[in-house]
Amino acid sequence: MELQGYVYIMASGRNGTLYVGATSDLAKRAWEHRNSVIEGFTKKYSCKLLVWYQPFESLEAARLREKQMKEWKRVWKVREIEMMNPNWDDLYDHIARP
């Protein structure tokens, strides 16, 4: 079964500004953030690094998790990032289509 939704965190840098989002196409959405295609928070604060993501079986489930995470304290989000990606590497190349 193919996963249909993702929650992700974009960052401006290690311990920088964070943005939590949800999407059905993680590679496309991360590319849009990286290339400042979308007006808004990530463009304004230069959140271009995909530092964390979690797949879900549905976009609805991903959006529910996104809503929960947007209420989280920053320290909780940082902990999630560092459990998956301790060096705050840009994960875009891991998920981008060739």
C-alpha atoms as a PDB file:
ATOM      1  CA  MET A   1       0.000   0.000   0.000  1.00  0.00           C
ATOM      2  CA  GLU A   2       1.375   3.378  -0.999  1.00  0.00           C
ATOM      3  CA  LEU A   3       1.415   6.055   1.661  1.00  0.00           C
ATOM      4  CA  GLN A   4      -0.761   9.038   0.921  1.00  0.00           C
ATOM      5  CA  GLY A   5       0.339  11.711   3.371  1.00  0.00           C
ATOM      6  CA  TYR A   6       3.365  13.175   5.100  1.00  0.00           C
ATOM      7  CA  VAL A   7       4.030  15.559   7.941  1.00  0.00           C
ATOM      8  CA  TYR A   8       7.334  17.350   7.554  1.00  0.00           C
ATOM      9  CA  ILE A   9       9.517  19.995   9.163  1.00  0.00           C
ATOM     10  CA  MET A  10      11.482  22.546   7.162  1.00  0.00           C
ATOM     11  CA  ALA A  11      14.218  24.571   8.876  1.00  0.00           C
ATOM     12  CA  SER A  12      16.310  27.624   8.078  1.00  0.00           C
ATOM     13  CA  GLY A  13      19.342  25.874   9.580  1.00  0.00           C
ATOM     14  CA  ARG A  14      20.431  23.887  12.605  1.00  0.00           C
ATOM     15  CA  ASN A  15      18.312  25.110  15.521  1.00  0.00           C
ATOM     16  CA  GLY A  16      16.886  27.782  13.213  1.00  0.00           C
ATOM     17  CA  THR A  17      13.325  28.727  12.358  1.00  0.00           C
ATOM     18  CA  LEU A  18      11.015  25.719  11.977  1.00  0.00           C
ATOM     19  CA  TYR A  19       7.943  25.141   9.834  1.00  0.00           C
ATOM     20  CA  VAL A  20       5.594  22.163  10.186  1.00  0.00           C
ATOM     21  CA  GLY A  21       3.489  21.173   7.187  1.00  0.00           C
ATOM     22  CA  ALA A  22       1.516  18.297   5.654  1.00  0.00           C
ATOM     23  CA  THR A  23       1.314  17.150   2.054  1.00  0.00           C
ATOM     24  CA  SER A  24       0.460  14.255  -0.226  1.00  0.00           C
ATOM     25  CA  ASP A  25       3.630  14.768  -2.328  1.00  0.00           C
ATOM     26  CA  LEU A  26       6.640  15.330  -0.083  1.00  0.00           C
ATOM     27  CA  ALA A  27       9.251  15.628  -2.845  1.00  0.00           C
ATOM     28  CA  LYS A  28       7.236  18.256  -4.736  1.00  0.00           C
ATOM     29  CA  ARG A  29       6.379  20.252  -1.618  1.00  0.00           C
ATOM     30  CA  ALA A  30       9.953  20.228  -0.289  1.00  0.00           C
ATOM     31  CA  TRP A  31      11.188  21.378  -3.728  1.00  0.00           C
ATOM     32  CA  GLU A  32       8.691  24.257  -3.647  1.00  0.00           C
ATOM     33  CA  HIS A  33       9.949  25.361  -0.224  1.00  0.00           C
ATOM     34  CA  ARG A  34      13.620  24.986  -1.247  1.00  0.00           C
ATOM     35  CA  ASN A  35      13.094  27.118  -4.330  1.00  0.00           C
ATOM     36  CA  SER A  36      10.898  29.774  -2.646  1.00  0.00           C
ATOM     37  CA  VAL A  37       8.049  29.073  -5.077  1.00  0.00           C
ATOM     38  CA  ILE A  38       5.406  29.556  -2.398  1.00  0.00           C
ATOM     39  CA  GLU A  39       4.770  32.894  -0.743  1.00  0.00           C
ATOM     40  CA  GLY A  40       4.487  32.794   3.005  1.00  0.00           C
ATOM     41  CA  PHE A  41       6.296  31.717   6.132  1.00  0.00           C
ATOM     42  CA  THR A  42       8.954  29.428   4.648  1.00  0.00           C
ATOM     43  CA  LYS A  43       9.931  31.962   1.999  1.00  0.00           C
ATOM     44  CA  LYS A  44       9.996  34.835   4.491  1.00  0.00           C
ATOM     45  CA  TYR A  45      12.141  32.932   7.004  1.00  0.00           C
ATOM     46  CA  SER A  46      14.209  30.977   4.449  1.00  0.00           C
ATOM     47  CA  CYS A  47      13.139  27.524   5.685  1.00  0.00           C
ATOM     48  CA  LYS A  48      14.696  25.504   2.866  1.00  0.00           C
ATOM     49  CA  LEU A  49      16.020  22.400   4.615  1.00  0.00           C
ATOM     50  CA  LEU A  50      13.844  19.305   4.948  1.00  0.00           C
ATOM     51  CA  VAL A  51      15.024  18.086   8.354  1.00  0.00           C
ATOM     52  CA  TRP A  52      12.248  15.675   9.405  1.00  0.00           C
ATOM     53  CA  TYR A  53       9.255  13.838   7.959  1.00  0.00           C
ATOM     54  CA  GLN A  54       6.808  11.101   8.871  1.00  0.00           C
ATOM     55  CA  PRO A  55       4.661   9.099   6.415  1.00  0.00           C
ATOM     56  CA  PHE A  56       0.965   8.362   6.993  1.00  0.00           C
ATOM     57  CA  GLU A  57      -1.575   6.130   5.292  1.00  0.00           C
ATOM     58  CA  SER A  58      -3.797   9.115   4.476  1.00  0.00           C
ATOM     59  CA  LEU A  59      -3.500  12.857   4.005  1.00  0.00           C
ATOM     60  CA  GLU A  60      -6.252  13.270   6.602  1.00  0.00           C
ATOM     61  CA  ALA A  61      -4.109  11.451   9.207  1.00  0.00           C
ATOM     62  CA  ALA A  62      -1.089  13.571   8.241  1.00  0.00           C
ATOM     63  CA  ARG A  63      -3.077  16.792   8.611  1.00  0.00           C
ATOM     64  CA  LEU A  64      -4.307  15.730  12.037  1.00  0.00           C
ATOM     65  CA  ARG A  65      -0.711  15.083  13.143  1.00  0.00           C
ATOM     66  CA  GLU A  66       0.399  18.422  11.624  1.00  0.00           C
ATOM     67  CA  LYS A  67      -2.257  20.238  13.644  1.00  0.00           C
ATOM     68  CA  GLN A  68      -1.079  18.509  16.831  1.00  0.00           C
ATOM     69  CA  MET A  69       2.579  19.290  16.139  1.00  0.00           C
ATOM     70  CA  LYS A  70       1.898  22.960  15.468  1.00  0.00           C
ATOM     71  CA  GLU A  71       0.739  23.141  19.099  1.00  0.00           C
ATOM     72  CA  TRP A  72       3.932  21.521  20.386  1.00  0.00           C
ATOM     73  CA  LYS A  73       6.646  23.390  22.222  1.00  0.00           C
ATOM     74  CA  ARG A  74       9.745  24.046  20.139  1.00  0.00           C
ATOM     75  CA  VAL A  75      11.862  21.727  22.300  1.00  0.00           C
ATOM     76  CA  TRP A  76       9.562  18.802  21.407  1.00  0.00           C
ATOM     77  CA  LYS A  77       9.957  19.506  17.678  1.00  0.00           C
ATOM     78  CA  VAL A  78      13.738  19.744  18.041  1.00  0.00           C
ATOM     79  CA  ARG A  79      13.760  16.418  19.894  1.00  0.00           C
ATOM     80  CA  GLU A  80      11.793  14.777  17.029  1.00  0.00           C
ATOM     81  CA  ILE A  81      14.234  16.170  14.468  1.00  0.00           C
ATOM     82  CA  GLU A  82      17.300  15.057  16.398  1.00  0.00           C
ATOM     83  CA  MET A  83      15.970  11.521  16.931  1.00  0.00           C
ATOM     84  CA  MET A  84      15.594  11.060  13.155  1.00  0.00           C
ATOM     85  CA  ASN A  85      18.282  13.433  11.910  1.00  0.00           C
ATOM     86  CA  PRO A  86      20.844  14.282  14.624  1.00  0.00           C
ATOM     87  CA  ASN A  87      23.016  16.341  12.242  1.00  0.00           C
ATOM     88  CA  TRP A  88      20.096  18.327  10.818  1.00  0.00           C
ATOM     89  CA  ASP A  89      21.026  17.146   7.320  1.00  0.00           C
ATOM     90  CA  ASP A  90      18.847  18.215   4.414  1.00  0.00           C
ATOM     91  CA  LEU A  91      16.819  15.070   3.670  1.00  0.00           C
ATOM     92  CA  TYR A  92      15.559  16.297   0.306  1.00  0.00           C
ATOM     93  CA  ASP A  93      18.002  14.150  -1.694  1.00  0.00           C
ATOM     94  CA  HIS A  94      16.740  11.067   0.155  1.00  0.00           C
ATOM     95  CA  ILE A  95      13.154  11.589  -1.013  1.00  0.00           C
ATOM     96  CA  ALA A  96      13.544  13.437  -4.348  1.00  0.00           C
ATOM     97  CA  ARG A  97      12.711  11.597  -7.519  1.00  0.00           C
ATOM     98  CA  PRO A  98      15.601  11.099  -9.952  1.00  0.00           C
END
